[in-house]
């Protein structure tokens, strides 16, 4: 499996994780800044939260790691939280903005 296919599988897994306060998945919300897959299928996800004191700051990154690890080809998954740049509504997909009535 090439890295593009694996990347697509990882994105599908990420789209099953929802922010508990917003009925939109974290990928469409723009909380996932980057996904890196090396040749050994080790995955690093750079993500943020809607706010630094988000109530799920402890649990959401672990849920993301578990979902990425659940992709059969993934050997290891790590999540790195960042608040640079801070999350804003502009990072949401058009679909998420529509869903939340921002369009």
PDB file of N, CA and C in Angstrom:
ATOM      1  N   UNK A   1       0.851  -1.181   0.000  1.00  0.00           N
ATOM      2  CA  UNK A   1       0.000   0.000   0.000  1.00  0.00           C
ATOM      3  C   UNK A   1       0.894   1.240   0.000  1.00  0.00           C
ATOM      4  N   UNK A   2       0.592   2.180  -0.890  1.00  0.00           N
ATOM      5  CA  UNK A   2       1.427   3.371  -0.909  1.00  0.00           C
ATOM      6  C   UNK A   2       0.978   4.366   0.167  1.00  0.00           C
ATOM      7  N   UNK A   3       1.818   5.363   0.397  1.00  0.00           N
ATOM      8  CA  UNK A   3       1.537   6.297   1.491  1.00  0.00           C
ATOM      9  C   UNK A   3       0.284   7.123   1.238  1.00  0.00           C
ATOM     10  N   UNK A   4      -0.069   7.370  -0.033  1.00  0.00           N
ATOM     11  CA  UNK A   4      -1.302   8.111  -0.313  1.00  0.00           C
ATOM     12  C   UNK A   4      -2.531   7.314   0.116  1.00  0.00           C
ATOM     13  N   UNK A   5      -2.530   6.022  -0.200  1.00  0.00           N
ATOM     14  CA  UNK A   5      -3.649   5.169   0.214  1.00  0.00           C
ATOM     15  C   UNK A   5      -3.746   5.107   1.723  1.00  0.00           C
ATOM     16  N   UNK A   6      -2.597   4.943   2.380  1.00  0.00           N
ATOM     17  CA  UNK A   6      -2.589   4.877   3.832  1.00  0.00           C
ATOM     18  C   UNK A   6      -3.058   6.211   4.416  1.00  0.00           C
ATOM     19  N   UNK A   7      -2.607   7.299   3.820  1.00  0.00           N
ATOM     20  CA  UNK A   7      -3.040   8.632   4.265  1.00  0.00           C
ATOM     21  C   UNK A   7      -4.552   8.775   4.194  1.00  0.00           C
ATOM     22  N   UNK A   8      -5.148   8.265   3.101  1.00  0.00           N
ATOM     23  CA  UNK A   8      -6.605   8.338   2.949  1.00  0.00           C
ATOM     24  C   UNK A   8      -7.306   7.508   4.021  1.00  0.00           C
ATOM     25  N   UNK A   9      -6.755   6.337   4.333  1.00  0.00           N
ATOM     26  CA  UNK A   9      -7.340   5.501   5.388  1.00  0.00           C
ATOM     27  C   UNK A   9      -7.256   6.203   6.739  1.00  0.00           C
ATOM     28  N   UNK A  10      -6.138   6.867   6.985  1.00  0.00           N
ATOM     29  CA  UNK A  10      -5.963   7.595   8.250  1.00  0.00           C
ATOM     30  C   UNK A  10      -6.976   8.740   8.335  1.00  0.00           C
ATOM     31  N   UNK A  11      -7.149   9.467   7.242  1.00  0.00           N
ATOM     32  CA  UNK A  11      -8.123  10.563   7.226  1.00  0.00           C
ATOM     33  C   UNK A  11      -9.525  10.020   7.500  1.00  0.00           C
ATOM     34  N   UNK A  12      -9.871   8.875   6.890  1.00  0.00           N
ATOM     35  CA  UNK A  12     -11.193   8.276   7.154  1.00  0.00           C
ATOM     36  C   UNK A  12     -11.345   7.950   8.641  1.00  0.00           C
ATOM     37  N   UNK A  13     -10.272   7.447   9.252  1.00  0.00           N
ATOM     38  CA  UNK A  13     -10.313   7.142  10.690  1.00  0.00           C
ATOM     39  C   UNK A  13     -10.480   8.428  11.498  1.00  0.00           C
ATOM     40  N   UNK A  14      -9.759   9.477  11.112  1.00  0.00           N
ATOM     41  CA  UNK A  14      -9.857  10.752  11.827  1.00  0.00           C
ATOM     42  C   UNK A  14     -11.265  11.337  11.732  1.00  0.00           C
ATOM     43  N   UNK A  15     -11.935  11.088  10.618  1.00  0.00           N
ATOM     44  CA  UNK A  15     -13.287  11.620  10.424  1.00  0.00           C
ATOM     45  C   UNK A  15     -14.329  10.901  11.291  1.00  0.00           C
ATOM     46  N   UNK A  16     -13.894   9.885  12.050  1.00  0.00           N
ATOM     47  CA  UNK A  16     -14.835   9.216  12.965  1.00  0.00           C
ATOM     48  C   UNK A  16     -14.709   9.772  14.379  1.00  0.00           C
ATOM     49  N   UNK A  17     -13.810  10.747  14.566  1.00  0.00           N
ATOM     50  CA  UNK A  17     -13.623  11.366  15.885  1.00  0.00           C
ATOM     51  C   UNK A  17     -14.333  12.721  15.875  1.00  0.00           C
ATOM     52  N   UNK A  18     -15.202  12.907  16.859  1.00  0.00           N
ATOM     53  CA  UNK A  18     -15.990  14.136  16.921  1.00  0.00           C
ATOM     54  C   UNK A  18     -15.635  14.959  18.144  1.00  0.00           C
ATOM     55  N   UNK A  19     -15.650  16.269  17.969  1.00  0.00           N
ATOM     56  CA  UNK A  19     -15.541  17.163  19.104  1.00  0.00           C
ATOM     57  C   UNK A  19     -16.829  16.985  19.893  1.00  0.00           C
ATOM     58  N   UNK A  20     -16.759  16.731  21.203  1.00  0.00           N
ATOM     59  CA  UNK A  20     -17.986  16.439  21.961  1.00  0.00           C
ATOM     60  C   UNK A  20     -18.964  17.606  22.045  1.00  0.00           C
ATOM     61  N   UNK A  21     -18.484  18.813  21.806  1.00  0.00           N
ATOM     62  CA  UNK A  21     -19.375  19.977  21.920  1.00  0.00           C
ATOM     63  C   UNK A  21     -19.909  20.454  20.580  1.00  0.00           C
ATOM     64  N   UNK A  22     -19.350  19.935  19.494  1.00  0.00           N
ATOM     65  CA  UNK A  22     -19.727  20.396  18.154  1.00  0.00           C
ATOM     66  C   UNK A  22     -20.009  19.156  17.305  1.00  0.00           C
ATOM     67  N   UNK A  23     -21.159  19.090  16.655  1.00  0.00           N
ATOM     68  CA  UNK A  23     -21.519  17.867  15.916  1.00  0.00           C
ATOM     69  C   UNK A  23     -20.807  17.717  14.568  1.00  0.00           C
ATOM     70  N   UNK A  24     -19.512  17.973  14.548  1.00  0.00           N
ATOM     71  CA  UNK A  24     -18.717  17.885  13.327  1.00  0.00           C
ATOM     72  C   UNK A  24     -17.428  17.148  13.684  1.00  0.00           C
ATOM     73  N   UNK A  25     -16.927  16.321  12.748  1.00  0.00           N
ATOM     74  CA  UNK A  25     -15.707  15.579  13.061  1.00  0.00           C
ATOM     75  C   UNK A  25     -14.492  16.514  13.111  1.00  0.00           C
ATOM     76  N   UNK A  26     -13.451  16.067  13.805  1.00  0.00           N
ATOM     77  CA  UNK A  26     -12.282  16.914  14.052  1.00  0.00           C
ATOM     78  C   UNK A  26     -11.532  17.266  12.779  1.00  0.00           C
ATOM     79  N   UNK A  27     -11.618  16.408  11.757  1.00  0.00           N
ATOM     80  CA  UNK A  27     -10.935  16.685  10.495  1.00  0.00           C
ATOM     81  C   UNK A  27     -11.621  17.860   9.788  1.00  0.00           C
ATOM     82  N   UNK A  28     -12.944  17.795   9.681  1.00  0.00           N
ATOM     83  CA  UNK A  28     -13.696  18.873   9.015  1.00  0.00           C
ATOM     84  C   UNK A  28     -13.640  20.170   9.834  1.00  0.00           C
ATOM     85  N   UNK A  29     -13.490  20.045  11.152  1.00  0.00           N
ATOM     86  CA  UNK A  29     -13.373  21.231  12.003  1.00  0.00           C
ATOM     87  C   UNK A  29     -12.040  21.949  11.793  1.00  0.00           C
ATOM     88  N   UNK A  30     -11.085  21.261  11.175  1.00  0.00           N
ATOM     89  CA  UNK A  30      -9.778  21.876  10.956  1.00  0.00           C
ATOM     90  C   UNK A  30      -8.841  21.718  12.141  1.00  0.00           C
ATOM     91  N   UNK A  31      -9.134  20.754  13.022  1.00  0.00           N
ATOM     92  CA  UNK A  31      -8.274  20.542  14.188  1.00  0.00           C
ATOM     93  C   UNK A  31      -7.022  19.737  13.850  1.00  0.00           C
ATOM     94  N   UNK A  32      -7.041  19.059  12.698  1.00  0.00           N
ATOM     95  CA  UNK A  32      -5.873  18.285  12.267  1.00  0.00           C
ATOM     96  C   UNK A  32      -5.038  19.187  11.365  1.00  0.00           C
ATOM     97  N   UNK A  33      -3.840  19.538  11.826  1.00  0.00           N
ATOM     98  CA  UNK A  33      -2.969  20.418  11.044  1.00  0.00           C
ATOM     99  C   UNK A  33      -2.119  19.643  10.062  1.00  0.00           C
ATOM    100  N   UNK A  34      -1.658  18.446  10.448  1.00  0.00           N
ATOM    101  CA  UNK A  34      -0.801  17.675   9.545  1.00  0.00           C
ATOM    102  C   UNK A  34      -0.761  16.220   9.972  1.00  0.00           C
ATOM    103  N   UNK A  35      -0.518  15.351   9.002  1.00  0.00           N
ATOM    104  CA  UNK A  35      -0.345  13.916   9.267  1.00  0.00           C
ATOM    105  C   UNK A  35       0.912  13.487   8.521  1.00  0.00           C
ATOM    106  N   UNK A  36       1.853  12.922   9.245  1.00  0.00           N
ATOM    107  CA  UNK A  36       3.093  12.438   8.654  1.00  0.00           C
ATOM    108  C   UNK A  36       3.132  10.923   8.763  1.00  0.00           C
ATOM    109  N   UNK A  37       3.491  10.260   7.662  1.00  0.00           N
ATOM    110  CA  UNK A  37       3.652   8.806   7.669  1.00  0.00           C
ATOM    111  C   UNK A  37       5.050   8.513   7.154  1.00  0.00           C
ATOM    112  N   UNK A  38       5.862   7.812   7.955  1.00  0.00           N
ATOM    113  CA  UNK A  38       7.197   7.480   7.461  1.00  0.00           C
ATOM    114  C   UNK A  38       7.176   6.123   6.757  1.00  0.00           C
ATOM    115  N   UNK A  39       8.329   5.705   6.236  1.00  0.00           N
ATOM    116  CA  UNK A  39       8.392   4.461   5.445  1.00  0.00           C
ATOM    117  C   UNK A  39       8.104   3.220   6.290  1.00  0.00           C
ATOM    118  N   UNK A  40       8.188   3.336   7.605  1.00  0.00           N
ATOM    119  CA  UNK A  40       7.878   2.200   8.487  1.00  0.00           C
ATOM    120  C   UNK A  40       6.419   2.220   8.957  1.00  0.00           C
ATOM    121  N   UNK A  41       5.615   3.107   8.366  1.00  0.00           N
ATOM    122  CA  UNK A  41       4.202   3.268   8.738  1.00  0.00           C
ATOM    123  C   UNK A  41       4.008   3.728  10.178  1.00  0.00           C
ATOM    124  N   UNK A  42       4.954   4.537  10.650  1.00  0.00           N
ATOM    125  CA  UNK A  42       4.779   5.235  11.913  1.00  0.00           C
ATOM    126  C   UNK A  42       4.108   6.562  11.562  1.00  0.00           C
ATOM    127  N   UNK A  43       3.090   6.917  12.305  1.00  0.00           N
ATOM    128  CA  UNK A  43       2.283   8.092  11.978  1.00  0.00           C
ATOM    129  C   UNK A  43       2.409   9.133  13.084  1.00  0.00           C
ATOM    130  N   UNK A  44       2.556  10.375  12.667  1.00  0.00           N
ATOM    131  CA  UNK A  44       2.551  11.489  13.614  1.00  0.00           C
ATOM    132  C   UNK A  44       1.454  12.437  13.163  1.00  0.00           C
ATOM    133  N   UNK A  45       0.576  12.767  14.085  1.00  0.00           N
ATOM    134  CA  UNK A  45      -0.527  13.684  13.804  1.00  0.00           C
ATOM    135  C   UNK A  45      -0.280  14.965  14.587  1.00  0.00           C
ATOM    136  N   UNK A  46      -0.271  16.093  13.884  1.00  0.00           N
ATOM    137  CA  UNK A  46      -0.177  17.398  14.534  1.00  0.00           C
ATOM    138  C   UNK A  46      -1.600  17.945  14.571  1.00  0.00           C
ATOM    139  N   UNK A  47      -2.080  18.196  15.774  1.00  0.00           N
ATOM    140  CA  UNK A  47      -3.458  18.681  15.887  1.00  0.00           C
ATOM    141  C   UNK A  47      -3.548  19.776  16.938  1.00  0.00           C
ATOM    142  N   UNK A  48      -4.678  20.434  16.946  1.00  0.00           N
ATOM    143  CA  UNK A  48      -4.949  21.460  17.936  1.00  0.00           C
ATOM    144  C   UNK A  48      -6.315  21.194  18.540  1.00  0.00           C
ATOM    145  N   UNK A  49      -6.712  22.037  19.459  1.00  0.00           N
ATOM    146  CA  UNK A  49      -8.045  21.984  20.055  1.00  0.00           C
ATOM    147  C   UNK A  49      -8.694  23.337  19.807  1.00  0.00           C
ATOM    148  N   UNK A  50      -9.998  23.399  19.968  1.00  0.00           N
ATOM    149  CA  UNK A  50     -10.681  24.673  19.708  1.00  0.00           C
ATOM    150  C   UNK A  50     -10.211  25.756  20.674  1.00  0.00           C
ATOM    151  N   UNK A  51      -9.841  25.356  21.907  1.00  0.00           N
ATOM    152  CA  UNK A  51      -9.259  26.287  22.878  1.00  0.00           C
ATOM    153  C   UNK A  51      -8.230  25.521  23.710  1.00  0.00           C
ATOM    154  N   UNK A  52      -7.203  26.199  24.220  1.00  0.00           N
ATOM    155  CA  UNK A  52      -6.206  25.503  25.044  1.00  0.00           C
ATOM    156  C   UNK A  52      -6.786  24.840  26.292  1.00  0.00           C
ATOM    157  N   UNK A  53      -7.851  25.409  26.854  1.00  0.00           N
ATOM    158  CA  UNK A  53      -8.454  24.808  28.051  1.00  0.00           C
ATOM    159  C   UNK A  53      -9.692  23.985  27.716  1.00  0.00           C
ATOM    160  N   UNK A  54      -9.686  23.418  26.521  1.00  0.00           N
ATOM    161  CA  UNK A  54     -10.773  22.554  26.055  1.00  0.00           C
ATOM    162  C   UNK A  54     -10.992  21.418  27.063  1.00  0.00           C
ATOM    163  N   UNK A  55     -12.259  21.115  27.396  1.00  0.00           N
ATOM    164  CA  UNK A  55     -12.531  20.064  28.384  1.00  0.00           C
ATOM    165  C   UNK A  55     -12.025  18.674  27.984  1.00  0.00           C
ATOM    166  N   UNK A  56     -11.769  18.449  26.701  1.00  0.00           N
ATOM    167  CA  UNK A  56     -11.297  17.129  26.261  1.00  0.00           C
ATOM    168  C   UNK A  56      -9.804  17.133  25.935  1.00  0.00           C
ATOM    169  N   UNK A  57      -9.074  18.123  26.453  1.00  0.00           N
ATOM    170  CA  UNK A  57      -7.639  18.236  26.165  1.00  0.00           C
ATOM    171  C   UNK A  57      -6.877  16.976  26.559  1.00  0.00           C
ATOM    172  N   UNK A  58      -7.339  16.289  27.590  1.00  0.00           N
ATOM    173  CA  UNK A  58      -6.664  15.066  28.028  1.00  0.00           C
ATOM    174  C   UNK A  58      -7.074  13.850  27.202  1.00  0.00           C
ATOM    175  N   UNK A  59      -8.344  13.778  26.825  1.00  0.00           N
ATOM    176  CA  UNK A  59      -8.868  12.557  26.210  1.00  0.00           C
ATOM    177  C   UNK A  59      -8.885  12.557  24.682  1.00  0.00           C
ATOM    178  N   UNK A  60      -9.102  13.696  24.068  1.00  0.00           N
ATOM    179  CA  UNK A  60      -9.232  13.735  22.605  1.00  0.00           C
ATOM    180  C   UNK A  60      -7.952  13.288  21.887  1.00  0.00           C
ATOM    181  N   UNK A  61      -6.766  13.762  22.284  1.00  0.00           N
ATOM    182  CA  UNK A  61      -5.550  13.276  21.605  1.00  0.00           C
ATOM    183  C   UNK A  61      -5.371  11.751  21.744  1.00  0.00           C
ATOM    184  N   UNK A  62      -5.741  11.194  22.884  1.00  0.00           N
ATOM    185  CA  UNK A  62      -5.651   9.739  23.063  1.00  0.00           C
ATOM    186  C   UNK A  62      -6.627   9.022  22.145  1.00  0.00           C
ATOM    187  N   UNK A  63      -7.830   9.575  22.003  1.00  0.00           N
ATOM    188  CA  UNK A  63      -8.814   8.982  21.093  1.00  0.00           C
ATOM    189  C   UNK A  63      -8.306   9.020  19.657  1.00  0.00           C
ATOM    190  N   UNK A  64      -7.665  10.134  19.282  1.00  0.00           N
ATOM    191  CA  UNK A  64      -7.105  10.266  17.929  1.00  0.00           C
ATOM    192  C   UNK A  64      -6.013   9.208  17.719  1.00  0.00           C
ATOM    193  N   UNK A  65      -5.118   9.056  18.694  1.00  0.00           N
ATOM    194  CA  UNK A  65      -4.065   8.030  18.594  1.00  0.00           C
ATOM    195  C   UNK A  65      -4.675   6.649  18.414  1.00  0.00           C
ATOM    196  N   UNK A  66      -5.685   6.332  19.218  1.00  0.00           N
ATOM    197  CA  UNK A  66      -6.328   5.013  19.130  1.00  0.00           C
ATOM    198  C   UNK A  66      -6.950   4.789  17.757  1.00  0.00           C
ATOM    199  N   UNK A  67      -7.631   5.806  17.232  1.00  0.00           N
ATOM    200  CA  UNK A  67      -8.275   5.673  15.913  1.00  0.00           C
ATOM    201  C   UNK A  67      -7.234   5.463  14.822  1.00  0.00           C
ATOM    202  N   UNK A  68      -6.143   6.208  14.873  1.00  0.00           N
ATOM    203  CA  UNK A  68      -5.102   6.076  13.846  1.00  0.00           C
ATOM    204  C   UNK A  68      -4.444   4.704  13.976  1.00  0.00           C
ATOM    205  N   UNK A  69      -4.191   4.276  15.201  1.00  0.00           N
ATOM    206  CA  UNK A  69      -3.588   2.960  15.434  1.00  0.00           C
ATOM    207  C   UNK A  69      -4.505   1.833  14.958  1.00  0.00           C
ATOM    208  N   UNK A  70      -5.803   2.084  14.938  1.00  0.00           N
ATOM    209  CA  UNK A  70      -6.753   1.048  14.515  1.00  0.00           C
ATOM    210  C   UNK A  70      -6.690   0.779  13.012  1.00  0.00           C
ATOM    211  N   UNK A  71      -6.040   1.673  12.247  1.00  0.00           N
ATOM    212  CA  UNK A  71      -5.844   1.439  10.817  1.00  0.00           C
ATOM    213  C   UNK A  71      -4.814   0.313  10.700  1.00  0.00           C
ATOM    214  N   UNK A  72      -5.220  -0.755  10.023  1.00  0.00           N
ATOM    215  CA  UNK A  72      -4.448  -2.000  10.001  1.00  0.00           C
ATOM    216  C   UNK A  72      -2.962  -1.814   9.708  1.00  0.00           C
ATOM    217  N   UNK A  73      -2.620  -0.984   8.742  1.00  0.00           N
ATOM    218  CA  UNK A  73      -1.226  -0.854   8.306  1.00  0.00           C
ATOM    219  C   UNK A  73      -0.371   0.016   9.229  1.00  0.00           C
ATOM    220  N   UNK A  74      -1.006   0.759  10.123  1.00  0.00           N
ATOM    221  CA  UNK A  74      -0.263   1.672  10.998  1.00  0.00           C
ATOM    222  C   UNK A  74       0.455   0.885  12.089  1.00  0.00           C
ATOM    223  N   UNK A  75       1.762   1.113  12.208  1.00  0.00           N
ATOM    224  CA  UNK A  75       2.579   0.428  13.209  1.00  0.00           C
ATOM    225  C   UNK A  75       2.518   1.178  14.539  1.00  0.00           C
ATOM    226  N   UNK A  76       2.668   2.492  14.479  1.00  0.00           N
ATOM    227  CA  UNK A  76       2.658   3.320  15.681  1.00  0.00           C
ATOM    228  C   UNK A  76       2.025   4.658  15.355  1.00  0.00           C
ATOM    229  N   UNK A  77       1.377   5.263  16.339  1.00  0.00           N
ATOM    230  CA  UNK A  77       0.753   6.569  16.138  1.00  0.00           C
ATOM    231  C   UNK A  77       1.071   7.459  17.332  1.00  0.00           C
ATOM    232  N   UNK A  78       1.430   8.690  17.026  1.00  0.00           N
ATOM    233  CA  UNK A  78       1.681   9.685  18.059  1.00  0.00           C
ATOM    234  C   UNK A  78       0.923  10.950  17.683  1.00  0.00           C
ATOM    235  N   UNK A  79       0.385  11.600  18.703  1.00  0.00           N
ATOM    236  CA  UNK A  79      -0.303  12.868  18.474  1.00  0.00           C
ATOM    237  C   UNK A  79       0.479  13.962  19.183  1.00  0.00           C
ATOM    238  N   UNK A  80       0.725  15.019  18.458  1.00  0.00           N
ATOM    239  CA  UNK A  80       1.375  16.189  19.045  1.00  0.00           C
ATOM    240  C   UNK A  80       0.369  17.329  19.041  1.00  0.00           C
ATOM    241  N   UNK A  81       0.103  17.871  20.225  1.00  0.00           N
ATOM    242  CA  UNK A  81      -0.813  19.012  20.332  1.00  0.00           C
ATOM    243  C   UNK A  81      -0.027  20.301  20.127  1.00  0.00           C
ATOM    244  N   UNK A  82      -0.620  21.219  19.401  1.00  0.00           N
ATOM    245  CA  UNK A  82      -0.013  22.532  19.213  1.00  0.00           C
ATOM    246  C   UNK A  82      -1.107  23.584  19.273  1.00  0.00           C
ATOM    247  N   UNK A  83      -0.745  24.767  19.662  1.00  0.00           N
ATOM    248  CA  UNK A  83      -1.702  25.879  19.641  1.00  0.00           C
ATOM    249  C   UNK A  83      -1.174  27.006  18.768  1.00  0.00           C
ATOM    250  N   UNK A  84      -0.206  26.659  17.915  1.00  0.00           N
ATOM    251  CA  UNK A  84       0.360  27.614  16.959  1.00  0.00           C
ATOM    252  C   UNK A  84       0.161  27.063  15.565  1.00  0.00           C
ATOM    253  N   UNK A  85      -0.570  27.654  14.690  1.00  0.00           N
ATOM    254  CA  UNK A  85      -1.393  28.828  14.971  1.00  0.00           C
ATOM    255  C   UNK A  85      -2.640  28.425  15.749  1.00  0.00           C
ATOM    256  N   UNK A  86      -3.226  29.361  16.479  1.00  0.00           N
ATOM    257  CA  UNK A  86      -4.461  29.051  17.208  1.00  0.00           C
ATOM    258  C   UNK A  86      -5.574  28.689  16.233  1.00  0.00           C
ATOM    259  N   UNK A  87      -6.465  27.817  16.671  1.00  0.00           N
ATOM    260  CA  UNK A  87      -7.594  27.415  15.841  1.00  0.00           C
ATOM    261  C   UNK A  87      -8.572  28.584  15.700  1.00  0.00           C
ATOM    262  N   UNK A  88      -9.088  28.747  14.490  1.00  0.00           N
ATOM    263  CA  UNK A  88     -10.155  29.725  14.245  1.00  0.00           C
ATOM    264  C   UNK A  88     -11.188  29.060  13.338  1.00  0.00           C
ATOM    265  N   UNK A  89     -12.353  29.668  13.259  1.00  0.00           N
ATOM    266  CA  UNK A  89     -13.415  29.107  12.406  1.00  0.00           C
ATOM    267  C   UNK A  89     -12.999  29.037  10.942  1.00  0.00           C
ATOM    268  N   UNK A  90     -12.039  29.869  10.534  1.00  0.00           N
ATOM    269  CA  UNK A  90     -11.592  29.861   9.134  1.00  0.00           C
ATOM    270  C   UNK A  90     -10.945  28.523   8.756  1.00  0.00           C
ATOM    271  N   UNK A  91     -10.488  27.760   9.741  1.00  0.00           N
ATOM    272  CA  UNK A  91      -9.854  26.468   9.463  1.00  0.00           C
ATOM    273  C   UNK A  91     -10.864  25.361   9.153  1.00  0.00           C
ATOM    274  N   UNK A  92     -12.136  25.623   9.416  1.00  0.00           N
ATOM    275  CA  UNK A  92     -13.168  24.607   9.159  1.00  0.00           C
ATOM    276  C   UNK A  92     -13.390  24.447   7.661  1.00  0.00           C
ATOM    277  N   UNK A  93     -13.763  23.223   7.271  1.00  0.00           N
ATOM    278  CA  UNK A  93     -14.119  22.987   5.867  1.00  0.00           C
ATOM    279  C   UNK A  93     -15.439  23.690   5.567  1.00  0.00           C
ATOM    280  N   UNK A  94     -15.712  23.860   4.288  1.00  0.00           N
ATOM    281  CA  UNK A  94     -16.994  24.446   3.881  1.00  0.00           C
ATOM    282  C   UNK A  94     -18.150  23.604   4.429  1.00  0.00           C
ATOM    283  N   UNK A  95     -17.955  22.282   4.397  1.00  0.00           N
ATOM    284  CA  UNK A  95     -18.982  21.356   4.890  1.00  0.00           C
ATOM    285  C   UNK A  95     -19.286  21.607   6.373  1.00  0.00           C
ATOM    286  N   UNK A  96     -18.241  21.794   7.170  1.00  0.00           N
ATOM    287  CA  UNK A  96     -18.420  22.040   8.606  1.00  0.00           C
ATOM    288  C   UNK A  96     -19.105  23.384   8.836  1.00  0.00           C
ATOM    289  N   UNK A  97     -18.682  24.410   8.077  1.00  0.00           N
ATOM    290  CA  UNK A  97     -19.292  25.731   8.223  1.00  0.00           C
ATOM    291  C   UNK A  97     -20.773  25.677   7.877  1.00  0.00           C
ATOM    292  N   UNK A  98     -21.097  24.930   6.835  1.00  0.00           N
ATOM    293  CA  UNK A  98     -22.491  24.777   6.422  1.00  0.00           C
ATOM    294  C   UNK A  98     -23.285  24.070   7.519  1.00  0.00           C
ATOM    295  N   UNK A  99     -22.723  22.959   8.031  1.00  0.00           N
ATOM    296  CA  UNK A  99     -23.360  22.170   9.077  1.00  0.00           C
ATOM    297  C   UNK A  99     -23.663  23.016  10.321  1.00  0.00           C
ATOM    298  N   UNK A 100     -22.752  23.923  10.645  1.00  0.00           N
ATOM    299  CA  UNK A 100     -22.899  24.735  11.851  1.00  0.00           C
ATOM    300  C   UNK A 100     -23.558  26.081  11.599  1.00  0.00           C
ATOM    301  N   UNK A 101     -23.992  26.306  10.346  1.00  0.00           N
ATOM    302  CA  UNK A 101     -24.717  27.519  10.028  1.00  0.00           C
ATOM    303  C   UNK A 101     -23.850  28.763   9.898  1.00  0.00           C
ATOM    304  N   UNK A 102     -22.573  28.596   9.579  1.00  0.00           N
ATOM    305  CA  UNK A 102     -21.685  29.739   9.418  1.00  0.00           C
ATOM    306  C   UNK A 102     -21.619  30.231   7.971  1.00  0.00           C
ATOM    307  N   UNK A 103     -22.334  29.577   7.059  1.00  0.00           N
ATOM    308  CA  UNK A 103     -22.322  30.024   5.666  1.00  0.00           C
ATOM    309  C   UNK A 103     -23.673  30.605   5.296  1.00  0.00           C
TER     310      UNK A 103
END
